[in-house]
Amino acid sequence: MSQSGKEYGVSPLELSFCASIQHLLNFSFALAYTDKVKQQNIYNVLLYIVSKERILIRAGRVEPRLKKRRPKSFGWLQQPRKLLQKQLVA
C-alpha cells in the first residue's frame, strides 16, 4: 500500500487494507510462478489496482476508541471454585 501510494500519488491512509489483501492474494499465484520480467509487470499492475481502491471518507462518521463495558465490582477467584461454593452454601 505504501509503494502503491508513493508511485501513484495517493496517501496510504486513503487506501483500503481489505481490498489490498484481496488483490495481493489474487495476484500471488501469478507472481510466484512467472519469470522475473513478467513478475515486474504483474507487480506494477497490482500496484496500480491497489492505488485505485480507496476508502470512502464519510463526514460525521467518527467513532470513539473507548471500551464499552464497565469493570465489574467482583474480586478475583483465588481459591478453588468447589471450596468457595461450599462456603457460600454454609
PDB file of N, CA and C in Angstrom:
ATOM      1  N   MET A   1       0.833  -1.180   0.000  1.00  0.00           N
ATOM      2  CA  MET A   1       0.000   0.000   0.000  1.00  0.00           C
ATOM      3  C   MET A   1       0.878   1.244   0.000  1.00  0.00           C
ATOM      4  N   SER A   2       1.974   1.183   0.737  1.00  0.00           N
ATOM      5  CA  SER A   2       2.880   2.322   0.794  1.00  0.00           C
ATOM      6  C   SER A   2       3.517   2.567  -0.572  1.00  0.00           C
ATOM      7  N   GLN A   3       4.000   1.514  -1.199  1.00  0.00           N
ATOM      8  CA  GLN A   3       4.619   1.662  -2.521  1.00  0.00           C
ATOM      9  C   GLN A   3       3.608   2.121  -3.555  1.00  0.00           C
ATOM     10  N   SER A   4       2.422   1.598  -3.482  1.00  0.00           N
ATOM     11  CA  SER A   4       1.379   1.992  -4.423  1.00  0.00           C
ATOM     12  C   SER A   4       1.035   3.464  -4.243  1.00  0.00           C
ATOM     13  N   GLY A   5       0.937   3.880  -2.993  1.00  0.00           N
ATOM     14  CA  GLY A   5       0.632   5.280  -2.719  1.00  0.00           C
ATOM     15  C   GLY A   5       1.717   6.210  -3.202  1.00  0.00           C
ATOM     16  N   LYS A   6       2.973   5.822  -2.975  1.00  0.00           N
ATOM     17  CA  LYS A   6       4.095   6.665  -3.423  1.00  0.00           C
ATOM     18  C   LYS A   6       4.136   6.770  -4.946  1.00  0.00           C
ATOM     19  N   GLU A   7       3.942   5.649  -5.600  1.00  0.00           N
ATOM     20  CA  GLU A   7       4.067   5.639  -7.056  1.00  0.00           C
ATOM     21  C   GLU A   7       2.935   6.383  -7.750  1.00  0.00           C
ATOM     22  N   TYR A   8       1.724   6.316  -7.183  1.00  0.00           N
ATOM     23  CA  TYR A   8       0.574   6.922  -7.845  1.00  0.00           C
ATOM     24  C   TYR A   8       0.041   8.156  -7.123  1.00  0.00           C
ATOM     25  N   GLY A   9       0.803   8.682  -6.153  1.00  0.00           N
ATOM     26  CA  GLY A   9       0.448   9.936  -5.514  1.00  0.00           C
ATOM     27  C   GLY A   9      -0.795   9.884  -4.646  1.00  0.00           C
ATOM     28  N   VAL A  10      -0.962   8.782  -3.937  1.00  0.00           N
ATOM     29  CA  VAL A  10      -2.121   8.606  -3.055  1.00  0.00           C
ATOM     30  C   VAL A  10      -1.593   8.348  -1.647  1.00  0.00           C
ATOM     31  N   SER A  11      -2.235   8.933  -0.655  1.00  0.00           N
ATOM     32  CA  SER A  11      -1.849   8.667   0.722  1.00  0.00           C
ATOM     33  C   SER A  11      -2.219   7.224   1.078  1.00  0.00           C
ATOM     34  N   PRO A  12      -1.308   6.477   1.708  1.00  0.00           N
ATOM     35  CA  PRO A  12      -1.639   5.100   2.091  1.00  0.00           C
ATOM     36  C   PRO A  12      -2.831   5.018   3.053  1.00  0.00           C
ATOM     37  N   LEU A  13      -3.097   6.095   3.784  1.00  0.00           N
ATOM     38  CA  LEU A  13      -4.240   6.100   4.696  1.00  0.00           C
ATOM     39  C   LEU A  13      -5.571   6.149   3.958  1.00  0.00           C
ATOM     40  N   GLU A  14      -5.542   6.519   2.689  1.00  0.00           N
ATOM     41  CA  GLU A  14      -6.766   6.572   1.878  1.00  0.00           C
ATOM     42  C   GLU A  14      -7.054   5.256   1.172  1.00  0.00           C
ATOM     43  N   LEU A  15      -6.115   4.303   1.247  1.00  0.00           N
ATOM     44  CA  LEU A  15      -6.274   3.042   0.533  1.00  0.00           C
ATOM     45  C   LEU A  15      -6.923   1.989   1.428  1.00  0.00           C
ATOM     46  N   SER A  16      -7.700   1.135   0.813  1.00  0.00           N
ATOM     47  CA  SER A  16      -8.418   0.089   1.532  1.00  0.00           C
ATOM     48  C   SER A  16      -7.490  -1.087   1.830  1.00  0.00           C
ATOM     49  N   PHE A  17      -7.349  -1.402   3.119  1.00  0.00           N
ATOM     50  CA  PHE A  17      -6.498  -2.515   3.526  1.00  0.00           C
ATOM     51  C   PHE A  17      -7.079  -3.848   3.060  1.00  0.00           C
ATOM     52  N   CYS A  18      -8.364  -4.029   3.255  1.00  0.00           N
ATOM     53  CA  CYS A  18      -9.007  -5.298   2.873  1.00  0.00           C
ATOM     54  C   CYS A  18      -8.915  -5.543   1.370  1.00  0.00           C
ATOM     55  N   ALA A  19      -9.155  -4.513   0.585  1.00  0.00           N
ATOM     56  CA  ALA A  19      -9.065  -4.667  -0.866  1.00  0.00           C
ATOM     57  C   ALA A  19      -7.630  -4.960  -1.287  1.00  0.00           C
ATOM     58  N   SER A  20      -6.661  -4.353  -0.613  1.00  0.00           N
ATOM     59  CA  SER A  20      -5.251  -4.605  -0.932  1.00  0.00           C
ATOM     60  C   SER A  20      -4.891  -6.059  -0.669  1.00  0.00           C
ATOM     61  N   ILE A  21      -5.349  -6.597   0.450  1.00  0.00           N
ATOM     62  CA  ILE A  21      -5.084  -8.001   0.774  1.00  0.00           C
ATOM     63  C   ILE A  21      -5.736  -8.922  -0.255  1.00  0.00           C
ATOM     64  N   GLN A  22      -6.971  -8.625  -0.630  1.00  0.00           N
ATOM     65  CA  GLN A  22      -7.672  -9.464  -1.612  1.00  0.00           C
ATOM     66  C   GLN A  22      -6.957  -9.455  -2.955  1.00  0.00           C
ATOM     67  N   HIS A  23      -6.522  -8.288  -3.399  1.00  0.00           N
ATOM     68  CA  HIS A  23      -5.809  -8.214  -4.682  1.00  0.00           C
ATOM     69  C   HIS A  23      -4.462  -8.929  -4.606  1.00  0.00           C
ATOM     70  N   LEU A  24      -3.774  -8.788  -3.476  1.00  0.00           N
ATOM     71  CA  LEU A  24      -2.495  -9.477  -3.324  1.00  0.00           C
ATOM     72  C   LEU A  24      -2.682 -10.986  -3.373  1.00  0.00           C
ATOM     73  N   LEU A  25      -3.721 -11.484  -2.717  1.00  0.00           N
ATOM     74  CA  LEU A  25      -3.987 -12.926  -2.768  1.00  0.00           C
ATOM     75  C   LEU A  25      -4.342 -13.374  -4.183  1.00  0.00           C
ATOM     76  N   ASN A  26      -5.084 -12.552  -4.909  1.00  0.00           N
ATOM     77  CA  ASN A  26      -5.438 -12.901  -6.286  1.00  0.00           C
ATOM     78  C   ASN A  26      -4.215 -12.921  -7.199  1.00  0.00           C
ATOM     79  N   PHE A  27      -3.268 -12.042  -6.959  1.00  0.00           N
ATOM     80  CA  PHE A  27      -2.086 -11.947  -7.809  1.00  0.00           C
ATOM     81  C   PHE A  27      -0.955 -12.854  -7.342  1.00  0.00           C
ATOM     82  N   SER A  28      -1.049 -13.441  -6.156  1.00  0.00           N
ATOM     83  CA  SER A  28       0.077 -14.189  -5.590  1.00  0.00           C
ATOM     84  C   SER A  28       0.475 -15.392  -6.450  1.00  0.00           C
ATOM     85  N   PHE A  29      -0.496 -16.085  -7.016  1.00  0.00           N
ATOM     86  CA  PHE A  29      -0.161 -17.244  -7.858  1.00  0.00           C
ATOM     87  C   PHE A  29       0.619 -16.813  -9.092  1.00  0.00           C
ATOM     88  N   ALA A  30       0.168 -15.747  -9.724  1.00  0.00           N
ATOM     89  CA  ALA A  30       0.858 -15.260 -10.921  1.00  0.00           C
ATOM     90  C   ALA A  30       2.256 -14.739 -10.574  1.00  0.00           C
ATOM     91  N   LEU A  31       2.407 -14.104  -9.423  1.00  0.00           N
ATOM     92  CA  LEU A  31       3.724 -13.595  -9.026  1.00  0.00           C
ATOM     93  C   LEU A  31       4.682 -14.729  -8.671  1.00  0.00           C
ATOM     94  N   ALA A  32       4.152 -15.817  -8.150  1.00  0.00           N
ATOM     95  CA  ALA A  32       5.009 -16.918  -7.716  1.00  0.00           C
ATOM     96  C   ALA A  32       5.500 -17.787  -8.874  1.00  0.00           C
ATOM     97  N   TYR A  33       4.716 -17.903  -9.935  1.00  0.00           N
ATOM     98  CA  TYR A  33       5.035 -18.872 -10.979  1.00  0.00           C
ATOM     99  C   TYR A  33       5.321 -18.262 -12.345  1.00  0.00           C
ATOM    100  N   THR A  34       5.905 -17.069 -12.375  1.00  0.00           N
ATOM    101  CA  THR A  34       6.307 -16.481 -13.651  1.00  0.00           C
ATOM    102  C   THR A  34       7.756 -16.044 -13.558  1.00  0.00           C
ATOM    103  N   ASP A  35       8.327 -15.705 -14.688  1.00  0.00           N
ATOM    104  CA  ASP A  35       9.720 -15.258 -14.689  1.00  0.00           C
ATOM    105  C   ASP A  35       9.816 -13.809 -14.205  1.00  0.00           C
ATOM    106  N   LYS A  36      11.052 -13.343 -14.021  1.00  0.00           N
ATOM    107  CA  LYS A  36      11.296 -12.038 -13.395  1.00  0.00           C
ATOM    108  C   LYS A  36      10.697 -10.875 -14.186  1.00  0.00           C
ATOM    109  N   VAL A  37      10.756 -10.926 -15.510  1.00  0.00           N
ATOM    110  CA  VAL A  37      10.235  -9.824 -16.329  1.00  0.00           C
ATOM    111  C   VAL A  37       8.720  -9.729 -16.169  1.00  0.00           C
ATOM    112  N   LYS A  38       8.041 -10.859 -16.255  1.00  0.00           N
ATOM    113  CA  LYS A  38       6.589 -10.867 -16.102  1.00  0.00           C
ATOM    114  C   LYS A  38       6.189 -10.519 -14.669  1.00  0.00           C
ATOM    115  N   GLN A  39       6.998 -10.950 -13.687  1.00  0.00           N
ATOM    116  CA  GLN A  39       6.703 -10.614 -12.296  1.00  0.00           C
ATOM    117  C   GLN A  39       6.679  -9.097 -12.093  1.00  0.00           C
ATOM    118  N   GLN A  40       7.643  -8.410 -12.666  1.00  0.00           N
ATOM    119  CA  GLN A  40       7.687  -6.951 -12.512  1.00  0.00           C
ATOM    120  C   GLN A  40       6.473  -6.297 -13.160  1.00  0.00           C
ATOM    121  N   ASN A  41       6.068  -6.787 -14.317  1.00  0.00           N
ATOM    122  CA  ASN A  41       4.873  -6.249 -14.980  1.00  0.00           C
ATOM    123  C   ASN A  41       3.613  -6.515 -14.158  1.00  0.00           C
ATOM    124  N   ILE A  42       3.488  -7.723 -13.643  1.00  0.00           N
ATOM    125  CA  ILE A  42       2.322  -8.079 -12.835  1.00  0.00           C
ATOM    126  C   ILE A  42       2.307  -7.259 -11.544  1.00  0.00           C
ATOM    127  N   TYR A  43       3.493  -7.075 -10.950  1.00  0.00           N
ATOM    128  CA  TYR A  43       3.592  -6.286  -9.722  1.00  0.00           C
ATOM    129  C   TYR A  43       3.175  -4.836  -9.966  1.00  0.00           C
ATOM    130  N   ASN A  44       3.574  -4.280 -11.088  1.00  0.00           N
ATOM    131  CA  ASN A  44       3.170  -2.910 -11.434  1.00  0.00           C
ATOM    132  C   ASN A  44       1.655  -2.809 -11.616  1.00  0.00           C
ATOM    133  N   VAL A  45       1.057  -3.816 -12.226  1.00  0.00           N
ATOM    134  CA  VAL A  45      -0.406  -3.840 -12.369  1.00  0.00           C
ATOM    135  C   VAL A  45      -1.063  -3.930 -11.001  1.00  0.00           C
ATOM    136  N   LEU A  46      -0.504  -4.761 -10.112  1.00  0.00           N
ATOM    137  CA  LEU A  46      -1.030  -4.882  -8.752  1.00  0.00           C
ATOM    138  C   LEU A  46      -0.968  -3.537  -8.025  1.00  0.00           C
ATOM    139  N   LEU A  47       0.145  -2.824  -8.142  1.00  0.00           N
ATOM    140  CA  LEU A  47       0.265  -1.511  -7.503  1.00  0.00           C
ATOM    141  C   LEU A  47      -0.769  -0.539  -8.053  1.00  0.00           C
ATOM    142  N   TYR A  48      -1.004  -0.587  -9.353  1.00  0.00           N
ATOM    143  CA  TYR A  48      -1.989   0.306  -9.959  1.00  0.00           C
ATOM    144  C   TYR A  48      -3.394   0.006  -9.437  1.00  0.00           C
ATOM    145  N   ILE A  49      -3.727  -1.277  -9.373  1.00  0.00           N
ATOM    146  CA  ILE A  49      -5.064  -1.664  -8.905  1.00  0.00           C
ATOM    147  C   ILE A  49      -5.253  -1.289  -7.440  1.00  0.00           C
ATOM    148  N   VAL A  50      -4.229  -1.510  -6.626  1.00  0.00           N
ATOM    149  CA  VAL A  50      -4.327  -1.156  -5.201  1.00  0.00           C
ATOM    150  C   VAL A  50      -4.493   0.349  -5.042  1.00  0.00           C
ATOM    151  N   SER A  51      -3.839   1.131  -5.885  1.00  0.00           N
ATOM    152  CA  SER A  51      -3.950   2.593  -5.771  1.00  0.00           C
ATOM    153  C   SER A  51      -5.351   3.095  -6.114  1.00  0.00           C
ATOM    154  N   LYS A  52      -6.126   2.312  -6.839  1.00  0.00           N
ATOM    155  CA  LYS A  52      -7.489   2.714  -7.208  1.00  0.00           C
ATOM    156  C   LYS A  52      -8.526   2.321  -6.164  1.00  0.00           C
ATOM    157  N   GLU A  53      -8.142   1.483  -5.210  1.00  0.00           N
ATOM    158  CA  GLU A  53      -9.073   1.012  -4.176  1.00  0.00           C
ATOM    159  C   GLU A  53      -9.009   1.946  -2.976  1.00  0.00           C
ATOM    160  N   ARG A  54      -9.764   3.004  -3.023  1.00  0.00           N
ATOM    161  CA  ARG A  54      -9.753   3.986  -1.942  1.00  0.00           C
ATOM    162  C   ARG A  54     -10.937   3.755  -1.015  1.00  0.00           C
ATOM    163  N   ILE A  55     -10.745   4.110   0.251  1.00  0.00           N
ATOM    164  CA  ILE A  55     -11.835   4.009   1.210  1.00  0.00           C
ATOM    165  C   ILE A  55     -12.696   5.258   1.116  1.00  0.00           C
ATOM    166  N   LEU A  56     -13.929   5.102   1.488  1.00  0.00           N
ATOM    167  CA  LEU A  56     -14.843   6.234   1.478  1.00  0.00           C
ATOM    168  C   LEU A  56     -14.675   7.021   2.763  1.00  0.00           C
ATOM    169  N   ILE A  57     -14.486   8.304   2.654  1.00  0.00           N
ATOM    170  CA  ILE A  57     -14.403   9.157   3.825  1.00  0.00           C
ATOM    171  C   ILE A  57     -15.757   9.828   3.959  1.00  0.00           C
ATOM    172  N   ARG A  58     -16.500   9.402   4.968  1.00  0.00           N
ATOM    173  CA  ARG A  58     -17.846   9.925   5.164  1.00  0.00           C
ATOM    174  C   ARG A  58     -17.830  10.920   6.313  1.00  0.00           C
ATOM    175  N   ALA A  59     -18.360  12.085   6.078  1.00  0.00           N
ATOM    176  CA  ALA A  59     -18.363  13.135   7.095  1.00  0.00           C
ATOM    177  C   ALA A  59     -19.216  12.727   8.281  1.00  0.00           C
ATOM    178  N   GLY A  60     -18.744  13.033   9.466  1.00  0.00           N
ATOM    179  CA  GLY A  60     -19.505  12.747  10.675  1.00  0.00           C
ATOM    180  C   GLY A  60     -19.479  11.299  11.115  1.00  0.00           C
ATOM    181  N   ARG A  61     -18.600  10.477  10.563  1.00  0.00           N
ATOM    182  CA  ARG A  61     -18.545   9.056  10.905  1.00  0.00           C
ATOM    183  C   ARG A  61     -17.300   8.759  11.745  1.00  0.00           C
ATOM    184  N   VAL A  62     -17.191   9.399  12.873  1.00  0.00           N
ATOM    185  CA  VAL A  62     -16.057   9.193  13.761  1.00  0.00           C
ATOM    186  C   VAL A  62     -16.534   8.421  14.976  1.00  0.00           C
ATOM    187  N   GLU A  63     -15.853   7.351  15.295  1.00  0.00           N
ATOM    188  CA  GLU A  63     -16.224   6.515  16.431  1.00  0.00           C
ATOM    189  C   GLU A  63     -15.172   6.662  17.526  1.00  0.00           C
ATOM    190  N   PRO A  64     -15.596   6.767  18.781  1.00  0.00           N
ATOM    191  CA  PRO A  64     -14.623   6.880  19.877  1.00  0.00           C
ATOM    192  C   PRO A  64     -13.886   5.564  20.094  1.00  0.00           C
ATOM    193  N   ARG A  65     -12.620   5.648  20.458  1.00  0.00           N
ATOM    194  CA  ARG A  65     -11.808   4.471  20.727  1.00  0.00           C
ATOM    195  C   ARG A  65     -11.781   4.226  22.231  1.00  0.00           C
ATOM    196  N   LEU A  66     -12.914   3.822  22.780  1.00  0.00           N
ATOM    197  CA  LEU A  66     -13.056   3.570  24.207  1.00  0.00           C
ATOM    198  C   LEU A  66     -13.695   2.212  24.440  1.00  0.00           C
ATOM    199  N   LYS A  67     -13.472   1.688  25.608  1.00  0.00           N
ATOM    200  CA  LYS A  67     -14.098   0.420  25.969  1.00  0.00           C
ATOM    201  C   LYS A  67     -15.547   0.668  26.334  1.00  0.00           C
ATOM    202  N   LYS A  68     -16.408  -0.207  25.876  1.00  0.00           N
ATOM    203  CA  LYS A  68     -17.826  -0.046  26.149  1.00  0.00           C
ATOM    204  C   LYS A  68     -18.206  -0.649  27.499  1.00  0.00           C
ATOM    205  N   ARG A  69     -17.653  -1.779  27.812  1.00  0.00           N
ATOM    206  CA  ARG A  69     -18.009  -2.483  29.032  1.00  0.00           C
ATOM    207  C   ARG A  69     -17.321  -1.852  30.241  1.00  0.00           C
ATOM    208  N   ARG A  70     -18.066  -1.705  31.302  1.00  0.00           N
ATOM    209  CA  ARG A  70     -17.519  -1.160  32.536  1.00  0.00           C
ATOM    210  C   ARG A  70     -16.925  -2.288  33.376  1.00  0.00           C
ATOM    211  N   PRO A  71     -15.909  -1.999  34.173  1.00  0.00           N
ATOM    212  CA  PRO A  71     -15.334  -3.054  35.012  1.00  0.00           C
ATOM    213  C   PRO A  71     -16.331  -3.541  36.061  1.00  0.00           C
ATOM    214  N   LYS A  72     -16.272  -4.794  36.357  1.00  0.00           N
ATOM    215  CA  LYS A  72     -17.171  -5.396  37.348  1.00  0.00           C
ATOM    216  C   LYS A  72     -16.629  -5.138  38.757  1.00  0.00           C
ATOM    217  N   SER A  73     -17.507  -5.185  39.739  1.00  0.00           N
ATOM    218  CA  SER A  73     -17.106  -4.920  41.113  1.00  0.00           C
ATOM    219  C   SER A  73     -16.722  -6.202  41.858  1.00  0.00           C
ATOM    220  N   PHE A  74     -16.643  -7.326  41.176  1.00  0.00           N
ATOM    221  CA  PHE A  74     -16.310  -8.596  41.806  1.00  0.00           C
ATOM    222  C   PHE A  74     -14.801  -8.758  41.879  1.00  0.00           C
ATOM    223  N   GLY A  75     -14.353  -9.493  42.906  1.00  0.00           N
ATOM    224  CA  GLY A  75     -12.928  -9.772  43.059  1.00  0.00           C
ATOM    225  C   GLY A  75     -12.491 -10.941  42.184  1.00  0.00           C
ATOM    226  N   TRP A  76     -11.243 -11.346  42.392  1.00  0.00           N
ATOM    227  CA  TRP A  76     -10.664 -12.450  41.645  1.00  0.00           C
ATOM    228  C   TRP A  76     -10.952 -13.773  42.336  1.00  0.00           C
ATOM    229  N   LEU A  77     -11.093 -14.829  41.566  1.00  0.00           N
ATOM    230  CA  LEU A  77     -11.265 -16.184  42.087  1.00  0.00           C
ATOM    231  C   LEU A  77      -9.884 -16.692  42.475  1.00  0.00           C
ATOM    232  N   GLN A  78      -9.588 -16.716  43.806  1.00  0.00           N
ATOM    233  CA  GLN A  78      -8.245 -17.073  44.260  1.00  0.00           C
ATOM    234  C   GLN A  78      -8.212 -18.378  45.041  1.00  0.00           C
ATOM    235  N   GLN A  79      -9.351 -19.038  45.174  1.00  0.00           N
ATOM    236  CA  GLN A  79      -9.440 -20.345  45.817  1.00  0.00           C
ATOM    237  C   GLN A  79     -10.186 -21.276  44.869  1.00  0.00           C
ATOM    238  N   PRO A  80     -10.101 -22.558  45.089  1.00  0.00           N
ATOM    239  CA  PRO A  80     -10.843 -23.473  44.214  1.00  0.00           C
ATOM    240  C   PRO A  80     -12.348 -23.177  44.242  1.00  0.00           C
ATOM    241  N   ARG A  81     -12.978 -23.305  43.116  1.00  0.00           N
ATOM    242  CA  ARG A  81     -14.396 -22.994  42.965  1.00  0.00           C
ATOM    243  C   ARG A  81     -15.263 -23.840  43.894  1.00  0.00           C
ATOM    244  N   LYS A  82     -14.946 -25.118  44.017  1.00  0.00           N
ATOM    245  CA  LYS A  82     -15.738 -26.022  44.876  1.00  0.00           C
ATOM    246  C   LYS A  82     -15.704 -25.559  46.332  1.00  0.00           C
ATOM    247  N   LEU A  83     -14.529 -25.111  46.805  1.00  0.00           N
ATOM    248  CA  LEU A  83     -14.408 -24.653  48.179  1.00  0.00           C
ATOM    249  C   LEU A  83     -15.227 -23.391  48.404  1.00  0.00           C
ATOM    250  N   LEU A  84     -15.207 -22.478  47.489  1.00  0.00           N
ATOM    251  CA  LEU A  84     -15.982 -21.249  47.611  1.00  0.00           C
ATOM    252  C   LEU A  84     -17.489 -21.535  47.541  1.00  0.00           C
ATOM    253  N   GLN A  85     -17.881 -22.496  46.705  1.00  0.00           N
ATOM    254  CA  GLN A  85     -19.298 -22.854  46.624  1.00  0.00           C
ATOM    255  C   GLN A  85     -19.779 -23.406  47.955  1.00  0.00           C
ATOM    256  N   LYS A  86     -18.962 -24.227  48.601  1.00  0.00           N
ATOM    257  CA  LYS A  86     -19.337 -24.775  49.915  1.00  0.00           C
ATOM    258  C   LYS A  86     -19.455 -23.659  50.955  1.00  0.00           C
ATOM    259  N   GLN A  87     -18.555 -22.683  50.906  1.00  0.00           N
ATOM    260  CA  GLN A  87     -18.605 -21.568  51.855  1.00  0.00           C
ATOM    261  C   GLN A  87     -19.849 -20.721  51.640  1.00  0.00           C
ATOM    262  N   LEU A  88     -20.247 -20.537  50.397  1.00  0.00           N
ATOM    263  CA  LEU A  88     -21.438 -19.737  50.119  1.00  0.00           C
ATOM    264  C   LEU A  88     -22.704 -20.431  50.579  1.00  0.00           C
ATOM    265  N   VAL A  89     -22.769 -21.757  50.441  1.00  0.00           N
ATOM    266  CA  VAL A  89     -23.957 -22.522  50.825  1.00  0.00           C
ATOM    267  C   VAL A  89     -24.063 -22.587  52.340  1.00  0.00           C
ATOM    268  N   ALA A  90     -22.945 -22.717  53.032  1.00  0.00           N
ATOM    269  CA  ALA A  90     -22.945 -22.855  54.503  1.00  0.00           C
ATOM    270  C   ALA A  90     -23.292 -21.577  55.211  1.00  0.00           C
TER     271      ALA A  90
END
